[in-house]
Amino acid sequence: MDASTFEVIVSLQDERFVSAVRALVDTAAKYAGCPSAAAAKFAGEVADAINASLLQSGNGSGPLPVTVRRADGPLEVEVSGRVFRLQL
C-alpha cells in the first residue's frame, strides 16, 4: 500500500459511524495528495450520500458497504453502487 494504490472496505449500519467514515475519506484524500479543503469537501459529499443511503434503506436492510480505493488514478468511494471520484 502506498499513496497511489490502496483499498479499504468498511460496513456501517447506522448514522453514528458516518463521521468516522467521513474522516477515513478525508484522510485517504489527503494521503493521496489532495489539498485539505478539497479533501474535506469531497468527504462531506460522500458523508451526505451515506446518510441518504442509510435513511433510504432503514435499519432492517443490513450493513451498508463503503469502499475507498485508489489504483493509480482518481480516489474512488463507492456507496450503494454509486461511485464518487476525486481527481488528483
PDB file of N, CA and C in Angstrom:
ATOM      1  N   MET A   1       0.843  -1.173   0.000  1.00  0.00           N
ATOM      2  CA  MET A   1       0.000   0.000   0.000  1.00  0.00           C
ATOM      3  C   MET A   1       0.887   1.234   0.000  1.00  0.00           C
ATOM      4  N   ASP A   2       0.558   2.167  -0.886  1.00  0.00           N
ATOM      5  CA  ASP A   2       1.191   3.473  -0.881  1.00  0.00           C
ATOM      6  C   ASP A   2       0.148   4.501  -1.319  1.00  0.00           C
ATOM      7  N   ALA A   3       0.543   5.735  -1.515  1.00  0.00           N
ATOM      8  CA  ALA A   3      -0.415   6.804  -1.813  1.00  0.00           C
ATOM      9  C   ALA A   3      -1.082   6.651  -3.175  1.00  0.00           C
ATOM     10  N   SER A   4      -0.533   5.819  -4.051  1.00  0.00           N
ATOM     11  CA  SER A   4      -1.129   5.672  -5.373  1.00  0.00           C
ATOM     12  C   SER A   4      -2.020   4.439  -5.509  1.00  0.00           C
ATOM     13  N   THR A   5      -1.911   3.489  -4.587  1.00  0.00           N
ATOM     14  CA  THR A   5      -2.703   2.266  -4.676  1.00  0.00           C
ATOM     15  C   THR A   5      -3.091   1.791  -3.283  1.00  0.00           C
ATOM     16  N   PHE A   6      -4.393   1.791  -3.012  1.00  0.00           N
ATOM     17  CA  PHE A   6      -4.889   1.271  -1.733  1.00  0.00           C
ATOM     18  C   PHE A   6      -6.381   0.994  -1.848  1.00  0.00           C
ATOM     19  N   GLU A   7      -6.893   0.208  -0.920  1.00  0.00           N
ATOM     20  CA  GLU A   7      -8.326  -0.079  -0.856  1.00  0.00           C
ATOM     21  C   GLU A   7      -8.702  -0.393   0.589  1.00  0.00           C
ATOM     22  N   VAL A   8      -9.787   0.227   1.041  1.00  0.00           N
ATOM     23  CA  VAL A   8     -10.331  -0.011   2.370  1.00  0.00           C
ATOM     24  C   VAL A   8     -11.832  -0.231   2.206  1.00  0.00           C
ATOM     25  N   ILE A   9     -12.343  -1.290   2.815  1.00  0.00           N
ATOM     26  CA  ILE A   9     -13.777  -1.583   2.761  1.00  0.00           C
ATOM     27  C   ILE A   9     -14.305  -1.601   4.189  1.00  0.00           C
ATOM     28  N   VAL A  10     -15.327  -0.812   4.426  1.00  0.00           N
ATOM     29  CA  VAL A  10     -15.969  -0.769   5.737  1.00  0.00           C
ATOM     30  C   VAL A  10     -17.471  -0.965   5.542  1.00  0.00           C
ATOM     31  N   SER A  11     -18.135  -1.378   6.591  1.00  0.00           N
ATOM     32  CA  SER A  11     -19.592  -1.517   6.574  1.00  0.00           C
ATOM     33  C   SER A  11     -20.144  -0.807   7.795  1.00  0.00           C
ATOM     34  N   LEU A  12     -21.251  -0.107   7.602  1.00  0.00           N
ATOM     35  CA  LEU A  12     -21.888   0.537   8.730  1.00  0.00           C
ATOM     36  C   LEU A  12     -23.390   0.387   8.617  1.00  0.00           C
ATOM     37  N   GLN A  13     -24.037   0.403   9.761  1.00  0.00           N
ATOM     38  CA  GLN A  13     -25.466   0.144   9.782  1.00  0.00           C
ATOM     39  C   GLN A  13     -26.276   1.313  10.328  1.00  0.00           C
ATOM     40  N   ASP A  14     -25.613   2.262  10.972  1.00  0.00           N
ATOM     41  CA  ASP A  14     -26.379   3.420  11.425  1.00  0.00           C
ATOM     42  C   ASP A  14     -25.528   4.679  11.360  1.00  0.00           C
ATOM     43  N   GLU A  15     -26.204   5.794  11.510  1.00  0.00           N
ATOM     44  CA  GLU A  15     -25.578   7.096  11.302  1.00  0.00           C
ATOM     45  C   GLU A  15     -24.523   7.461  12.344  1.00  0.00           C
ATOM     46  N   ARG A  16     -24.430   6.738  13.424  1.00  0.00           N
ATOM     47  CA  ARG A  16     -23.417   7.048  14.436  1.00  0.00           C
ATOM     48  C   ARG A  16     -21.994   6.936  13.903  1.00  0.00           C
ATOM     49  N   PHE A  17     -21.799   6.157  12.849  1.00  0.00           N
ATOM     50  CA  PHE A  17     -20.454   5.906  12.346  1.00  0.00           C
ATOM     51  C   PHE A  17     -20.129   6.665  11.064  1.00  0.00           C
ATOM     52  N   VAL A  18     -21.056   7.484  10.596  1.00  0.00           N
ATOM     53  CA  VAL A  18     -20.817   8.247   9.368  1.00  0.00           C
ATOM     54  C   VAL A  18     -19.639   9.198   9.542  1.00  0.00           C
ATOM     55  N   SER A  19     -19.520   9.814  10.702  1.00  0.00           N
ATOM     56  CA  SER A  19     -18.393  10.740  10.917  1.00  0.00           C
ATOM     57  C   SER A  19     -17.050  10.017  10.840  1.00  0.00           C
ATOM     58  N   ALA A  20     -17.003   8.773  11.271  1.00  0.00           N
ATOM     59  CA  ALA A  20     -15.763   8.000  11.183  1.00  0.00           C
ATOM     60  C   ALA A  20     -15.406   7.708   9.724  1.00  0.00           C
ATOM     61  N   VAL A  21     -16.408   7.381   8.924  1.00  0.00           N
ATOM     62  CA  VAL A  21     -16.155   7.121   7.504  1.00  0.00           C
ATOM     63  C   VAL A  21     -15.773   8.423   6.801  1.00  0.00           C
ATOM     64  N   ARG A  22     -16.419   9.514   7.198  1.00  0.00           N
ATOM     65  CA  ARG A  22     -16.054  10.824   6.641  1.00  0.00           C
ATOM     66  C   ARG A  22     -14.582  11.119   6.924  1.00  0.00           C
ATOM     67  N   ALA A  23     -14.140  10.873   8.140  1.00  0.00           N
ATOM     68  CA  ALA A  23     -12.733  11.090   8.498  1.00  0.00           C
ATOM     69  C   ALA A  23     -11.818  10.170   7.688  1.00  0.00           C
ATOM     70  N   LEU A  24     -12.250   8.939   7.463  1.00  0.00           N
ATOM     71  CA  LEU A  24     -11.470   7.995   6.655  1.00  0.00           C
ATOM     72  C   LEU A  24     -11.300   8.517   5.231  1.00  0.00           C
ATOM     73  N   VAL A  25     -12.387   8.992   4.617  1.00  0.00           N
ATOM     74  CA  VAL A  25     -12.329   9.512   3.245  1.00  0.00           C
ATOM     75  C   VAL A  25     -11.447  10.757   3.192  1.00  0.00           C
ATOM     76  N   ASP A  26     -11.584  11.645   4.153  1.00  0.00           N
ATOM     77  CA  ASP A  26     -10.769  12.856   4.219  1.00  0.00           C
ATOM     78  C   ASP A  26      -9.286  12.494   4.324  1.00  0.00           C
ATOM     79  N   THR A  27      -8.958  11.557   5.192  1.00  0.00           N
ATOM     80  CA  THR A  27      -7.573  11.118   5.376  1.00  0.00           C
ATOM     81  C   THR A  27      -7.038  10.450   4.110  1.00  0.00           C
ATOM     82  N   ALA A  28      -7.860   9.623   3.475  1.00  0.00           N
ATOM     83  CA  ALA A  28      -7.430   8.955   2.240  1.00  0.00           C
ATOM     84  C   ALA A  28      -7.135   9.973   1.143  1.00  0.00           C
ATOM     85  N   ALA A  29      -7.977  10.983   1.030  1.00  0.00           N
ATOM     86  CA  ALA A  29      -7.770  12.010   0.008  1.00  0.00           C
ATOM     87  C   ALA A  29      -6.472  12.783   0.271  1.00  0.00           C
ATOM     88  N   LYS A  30      -6.240  13.154   1.511  1.00  0.00           N
ATOM     89  CA  LYS A  30      -5.005  13.868   1.853  1.00  0.00           C
ATOM     90  C   LYS A  30      -3.788  12.971   1.634  1.00  0.00           C
ATOM     91  N   TYR A  31      -3.899  11.703   2.006  1.00  0.00           N
ATOM     92  CA  TYR A  31      -2.812  10.735   1.820  1.00  0.00           C
ATOM     93  C   TYR A  31      -2.456  10.612   0.340  1.00  0.00           C
ATOM     94  N   ALA A  32      -3.477  10.704  -0.529  1.00  0.00           N
ATOM     95  CA  ALA A  32      -3.260  10.588  -1.967  1.00  0.00           C
ATOM     96  C   ALA A  32      -2.747  11.889  -2.582  1.00  0.00           C
ATOM     97  N   GLY A  33      -2.662  12.952  -1.771  1.00  0.00           N
ATOM     98  CA  GLY A  33      -2.083  14.193  -2.266  1.00  0.00           C
ATOM     99  C   GLY A  33      -3.064  15.327  -2.496  1.00  0.00           C
ATOM    100  N   CYS A  34      -4.284  15.184  -2.081  1.00  0.00           N
ATOM    101  CA  CYS A  34      -5.309  16.203  -2.275  1.00  0.00           C
ATOM    102  C   CYS A  34      -5.139  17.316  -1.233  1.00  0.00           C
ATOM    103  N   PRO A  35      -5.313  18.580  -1.628  1.00  0.00           N
ATOM    104  CA  PRO A  35      -5.280  19.670  -0.647  1.00  0.00           C
ATOM    105  C   PRO A  35      -6.394  19.512   0.396  1.00  0.00           C
ATOM    106  N   SER A  36      -6.154  20.021   1.593  1.00  0.00           N
ATOM    107  CA  SER A  36      -7.070  19.827   2.720  1.00  0.00           C
ATOM    108  C   SER A  36      -8.492  20.287   2.440  1.00  0.00           C
ATOM    109  N   ALA A  37      -8.666  21.462   1.855  1.00  0.00           N
ATOM    110  CA  ALA A  37     -10.013  21.992   1.617  1.00  0.00           C
ATOM    111  C   ALA A  37     -10.791  21.107   0.639  1.00  0.00           C
ATOM    112  N   ALA A  38     -10.140  20.670  -0.422  1.00  0.00           N
ATOM    113  CA  ALA A  38     -10.806  19.808  -1.409  1.00  0.00           C
ATOM    114  C   ALA A  38     -11.108  18.439  -0.814  1.00  0.00           C
ATOM    115  N   ALA A  39     -10.206  17.933   0.024  1.00  0.00           N
ATOM    116  CA  ALA A  39     -10.424  16.638   0.684  1.00  0.00           C
ATOM    117  C   ALA A  39     -11.635  16.716   1.604  1.00  0.00           C
ATOM    118  N   ALA A  40     -11.746  17.798   2.364  1.00  0.00           N
ATOM    119  CA  ALA A  40     -12.873  17.968   3.284  1.00  0.00           C
ATOM    120  C   ALA A  40     -14.189  18.087   2.526  1.00  0.00           C
ATOM    121  N   LYS A  41     -14.190  18.805   1.415  1.00  0.00           N
ATOM    122  CA  LYS A  41     -15.411  18.947   0.603  1.00  0.00           C
ATOM    123  C   LYS A  41     -15.848  17.592   0.046  1.00  0.00           C
ATOM    124  N   PHE A  42     -14.901  16.847  -0.495  1.00  0.00           N
ATOM    125  CA  PHE A  42     -15.200  15.524  -1.049  1.00  0.00           C
ATOM    126  C   PHE A  42     -15.731  14.593   0.041  1.00  0.00           C
ATOM    127  N   ALA A  43     -15.080  14.585   1.195  1.00  0.00           N
ATOM    128  CA  ALA A  43     -15.517  13.739   2.308  1.00  0.00           C
ATOM    129  C   ALA A  43     -16.928  14.107   2.750  1.00  0.00           C
ATOM    130  N   GLY A  44     -17.259  15.385   2.731  1.00  0.00           N
ATOM    131  CA  GLY A  44     -18.605  15.825   3.076  1.00  0.00           C
ATOM    132  C   GLY A  44     -19.651  15.336   2.093  1.00  0.00           C
ATOM    133  N   GLU A  45     -19.322  15.362   0.800  1.00  0.00           N
ATOM    134  CA  GLU A  45     -20.243  14.854  -0.220  1.00  0.00           C
ATOM    135  C   GLU A  45     -20.498  13.361  -0.029  1.00  0.00           C
ATOM    136  N   VAL A  46     -19.448  12.630   0.272  1.00  0.00           N
ATOM    137  CA  VAL A  46     -19.590  11.191   0.496  1.00  0.00           C
ATOM    138  C   VAL A  46     -20.428  10.932   1.748  1.00  0.00           C
ATOM    139  N   ALA A  47     -20.166  11.687   2.815  1.00  0.00           N
ATOM    140  CA  ALA A  47     -20.931  11.522   4.064  1.00  0.00           C
ATOM    141  C   ALA A  47     -22.413  11.799   3.827  1.00  0.00           C
ATOM    142  N   ASP A  48     -22.723  12.817   3.034  1.00  0.00           N
ATOM    143  CA  ASP A  48     -24.123  13.116   2.706  1.00  0.00           C
ATOM    144  C   ASP A  48     -24.773  11.940   1.980  1.00  0.00           C
ATOM    145  N   ALA A  49     -24.040  11.328   1.058  1.00  0.00           N
ATOM    146  CA  ALA A  49     -24.565  10.174   0.321  1.00  0.00           C
ATOM    147  C   ALA A  49     -24.775   8.977   1.241  1.00  0.00           C
ATOM    148  N   ILE A  50     -23.872   8.780   2.176  1.00  0.00           N
ATOM    149  CA  ILE A  50     -24.015   7.677   3.135  1.00  0.00           C
ATOM    150  C   ILE A  50     -25.249   7.892   3.994  1.00  0.00           C
ATOM    151  N   ASN A  51     -25.415   9.122   4.504  1.00  0.00           N
ATOM    152  CA  ASN A  51     -26.607   9.422   5.311  1.00  0.00           C
ATOM    153  C   ASN A  51     -27.886   9.186   4.519  1.00  0.00           C
ATOM    154  N   ALA A  52     -27.908   9.611   3.264  1.00  0.00           N
ATOM    155  CA  ALA A  52     -29.090   9.407   2.420  1.00  0.00           C
ATOM    156  C   ALA A  52     -29.360   7.922   2.202  1.00  0.00           C
ATOM    157  N   SER A  53     -28.309   7.152   1.987  1.00  0.00           N
ATOM    158  CA  SER A  53     -28.478   5.711   1.782  1.00  0.00           C
ATOM    159  C   SER A  53     -29.009   5.034   3.030  1.00  0.00           C
ATOM    160  N   LEU A  54     -28.495   5.451   4.183  1.00  0.00           N
ATOM    161  CA  LEU A  54     -28.964   4.860   5.443  1.00  0.00           C
ATOM    162  C   LEU A  54     -30.428   5.209   5.697  1.00  0.00           C
ATOM    163  N   LEU A  55     -30.820   6.434   5.395  1.00  0.00           N
ATOM    164  CA  LEU A  55     -32.217   6.839   5.573  1.00  0.00           C
ATOM    165  C   LEU A  55     -33.141   6.067   4.635  1.00  0.00           C
ATOM    166  N   GLN A  56     -32.703   5.896   3.396  1.00  0.00           N
ATOM    167  CA  GLN A  56     -33.500   5.181   2.396  1.00  0.00           C
ATOM    168  C   GLN A  56     -33.690   3.722   2.748  1.00  0.00           C
ATOM    169  N   SER A  57     -32.616   3.110   3.211  1.00  0.00           N
ATOM    170  CA  SER A  57     -32.664   1.666   3.436  1.00  0.00           C
ATOM    171  C   SER A  57     -33.310   1.287   4.757  1.00  0.00           C
ATOM    172  N   GLY A  58     -33.309   2.178   5.716  1.00  0.00           N
ATOM    173  CA  GLY A  58     -33.859   1.837   7.030  1.00  0.00           C
ATOM    174  C   GLY A  58     -32.919   0.916   7.783  1.00  0.00           C
ATOM    175  N   ASN A  59     -33.258   0.589   8.999  1.00  0.00           N
ATOM    176  CA  ASN A  59     -32.367  -0.212   9.841  1.00  0.00           C
ATOM    177  C   ASN A  59     -32.391  -1.705   9.529  1.00  0.00           C
ATOM    178  N   GLY A  60     -33.424  -2.209   8.879  1.00  0.00           N
ATOM    179  CA  GLY A  60     -33.562  -3.645   8.693  1.00  0.00           C
ATOM    180  C   GLY A  60     -32.892  -4.221   7.472  1.00  0.00           C
ATOM    181  N   SER A  61     -32.182  -3.406   6.701  1.00  0.00           N
ATOM    182  CA  SER A  61     -31.650  -3.905   5.437  1.00  0.00           C
ATOM    183  C   SER A  61     -30.218  -4.416   5.521  1.00  0.00           C
ATOM    184  N   GLY A  62     -29.627  -4.427   6.677  1.00  0.00           N
ATOM    185  CA  GLY A  62     -28.264  -4.922   6.811  1.00  0.00           C
ATOM    186  C   GLY A  62     -27.249  -3.817   6.668  1.00  0.00           C
ATOM    187  N   PRO A  63     -25.984  -4.152   6.835  1.00  0.00           N
ATOM    188  CA  PRO A  63     -24.935  -3.138   6.785  1.00  0.00           C
ATOM    189  C   PRO A  63     -24.747  -2.543   5.390  1.00  0.00           C
ATOM    190  N   LEU A  64     -24.323  -1.290   5.357  1.00  0.00           N
ATOM    191  CA  LEU A  64     -24.048  -0.573   4.115  1.00  0.00           C
ATOM    192  C   LEU A  64     -22.544  -0.644   3.848  1.00  0.00           C
ATOM    193  N   PRO A  65     -22.133  -1.294   2.765  1.00  0.00           N
ATOM    194  CA  PRO A  65     -20.700  -1.341   2.457  1.00  0.00           C
ATOM    195  C   PRO A  65     -20.240  -0.027   1.819  1.00  0.00           C
ATOM    196  N   VAL A  66     -19.062   0.412   2.214  1.00  0.00           N
ATOM    197  CA  VAL A  66     -18.433   1.600   1.646  1.00  0.00           C
ATOM    198  C   VAL A  66     -17.005   1.215   1.285  1.00  0.00           C
ATOM    199  N   THR A  67     -16.639   1.421   0.030  1.00  0.00           N
ATOM    200  CA  THR A  67     -15.303   1.084  -0.443  1.00  0.00           C
ATOM    201  C   THR A  67     -14.557   2.360  -0.796  1.00  0.00           C
ATOM    202  N   VAL A  68     -13.370   2.514  -0.241  1.00  0.00           N
ATOM    203  CA  VAL A  68     -12.483   3.637  -0.529  1.00  0.00           C
ATOM    204  C   VAL A  68     -11.270   3.039  -1.226  1.00  0.00           C
ATOM    205  N   ARG A  69     -11.001   3.499  -2.464  1.00  0.00           N
ATOM    206  CA  ARG A  69      -9.899   2.878  -3.206  1.00  0.00           C
ATOM    207  C   ARG A  69      -9.221   3.879  -4.137  1.00  0.00           C
ATOM    208  N   ARG A  70      -7.989   3.539  -4.438  1.00  0.00           N
ATOM    209  CA  ARG A  70      -7.242   4.264  -5.455  1.00  0.00           C
ATOM    210  C   ARG A  70      -6.321   3.268  -6.131  1.00  0.00           C
ATOM    211  N   ALA A  71      -6.293   3.314  -7.456  1.00  0.00           N
ATOM    212  CA  ALA A  71      -5.417   2.437  -8.230  1.00  0.00           C
ATOM    213  C   ALA A  71      -4.764   3.264  -9.328  1.00  0.00           C
ATOM    214  N   ASP A  72      -3.762   4.047  -8.943  1.00  0.00           N
ATOM    215  CA  ASP A  72      -3.020   4.893  -9.888  1.00  0.00           C
ATOM    216  C   ASP A  72      -3.927   5.804 -10.706  1.00  0.00           C
ATOM    217  N   GLY A  73      -4.945   6.329 -10.100  1.00  0.00           N
ATOM    218  CA  GLY A  73      -5.878   7.238 -10.766  1.00  0.00           C
ATOM    219  C   GLY A  73      -6.599   8.055  -9.726  1.00  0.00           C
ATOM    220  N   PRO A  74      -7.859   8.376 -10.000  1.00  0.00           N
ATOM    221  CA  PRO A  74      -8.616   9.155  -9.021  1.00  0.00           C
ATOM    222  C   PRO A  74      -8.919   8.343  -7.762  1.00  0.00           C
ATOM    223  N   LEU A  75      -9.167   9.047  -6.679  1.00  0.00           N
ATOM    224  CA  LEU A  75      -9.672   8.403  -5.469  1.00  0.00           C
ATOM    225  C   LEU A  75     -11.137   8.100  -5.729  1.00  0.00           C
ATOM    226  N   GLU A  76     -11.560   6.877  -5.453  1.00  0.00           N
ATOM    227  CA  GLU A  76     -12.949   6.478  -5.654  1.00  0.00           C
ATOM    228  C   GLU A  76     -13.538   5.994  -4.338  1.00  0.00           C
ATOM    229  N   VAL A  77     -14.785   6.384  -4.117  1.00  0.00           N
ATOM    230  CA  VAL A  77     -15.526   5.897  -2.964  1.00  0.00           C
ATOM    231  C   VAL A  77     -16.853   5.384  -3.491  1.00  0.00           C
ATOM    232  N   GLU A  78     -17.150   4.110  -3.216  1.00  0.00           N
ATOM    233  CA  GLU A  78     -18.399   3.501  -3.674  1.00  0.00           C
ATOM    234  C   GLU A  78     -19.350   3.346  -2.493  1.00  0.00           C
ATOM    235  N   VAL A  79     -20.561   3.897  -2.681  1.00  0.00           N
ATOM    236  CA  VAL A  79     -21.616   3.839  -1.677  1.00  0.00           C
ATOM    237  C   VAL A  79     -22.898   3.419  -2.384  1.00  0.00           C
ATOM    238  N   SER A  80     -23.453   2.286  -2.024  1.00  0.00           N
ATOM    239  CA  SER A  80     -24.718   1.804  -2.612  1.00  0.00           C
ATOM    240  C   SER A  80     -24.686   1.787  -4.136  1.00  0.00           C
ATOM    241  N   GLY A  81     -23.583   1.356  -4.695  1.00  0.00           N
ATOM    242  CA  GLY A  81     -23.465   1.261  -6.146  1.00  0.00           C
ATOM    243  C   GLY A  81     -23.127   2.572  -6.832  1.00  0.00           C
ATOM    244  N   ARG A  82     -23.115   3.656  -6.102  1.00  0.00           N
ATOM    245  CA  ARG A  82     -22.774   4.978  -6.647  1.00  0.00           C
ATOM    246  C   ARG A  82     -21.296   5.223  -6.382  1.00  0.00           C
ATOM    247  N   VAL A  83     -20.557   5.637  -7.411  1.00  0.00           N
ATOM    248  CA  VAL A  83     -19.116   5.861  -7.273  1.00  0.00           C
ATOM    249  C   VAL A  83     -18.823   7.354  -7.329  1.00  0.00           C
ATOM    250  N   PHE A  84     -18.158   7.839  -6.293  1.00  0.00           N
ATOM    251  CA  PHE A  84     -17.697   9.215  -6.226  1.00  0.00           C
ATOM    252  C   PHE A  84     -16.223   9.221  -6.577  1.00  0.00           C
ATOM    253  N   ARG A  85     -15.820  10.137  -7.472  1.00  0.00           N
ATOM    254  CA  ARG A  85     -14.427  10.180  -7.910  1.00  0.00           C
ATOM    255  C   ARG A  85     -13.827  11.552  -7.615  1.00  0.00           C
ATOM    256  N   LEU A  86     -12.622  11.535  -7.092  1.00  0.00           N
ATOM    257  CA  LEU A  86     -11.874  12.753  -6.831  1.00  0.00           C
ATOM    258  C   LEU A  86     -10.595  12.699  -7.655  1.00  0.00           C
ATOM    259  N   GLN A  87     -10.525  13.568  -8.667  1.00  0.00           N
ATOM    260  CA  GLN A  87      -9.319  13.627  -9.499  1.00  0.00           C
ATOM    261  C   GLN A  87      -8.183  14.243  -8.697  1.00  0.00           C
ATOM    262  N   LEU A  88      -7.031  13.624  -8.782  1.00  0.00           N
ATOM    263  CA  LEU A  88      -5.880  14.103  -8.019  1.00  0.00           C
ATOM    264  C   LEU A  88      -4.790  14.599  -8.947  1.00  0.00           C
TER     265      LEU A  88
END
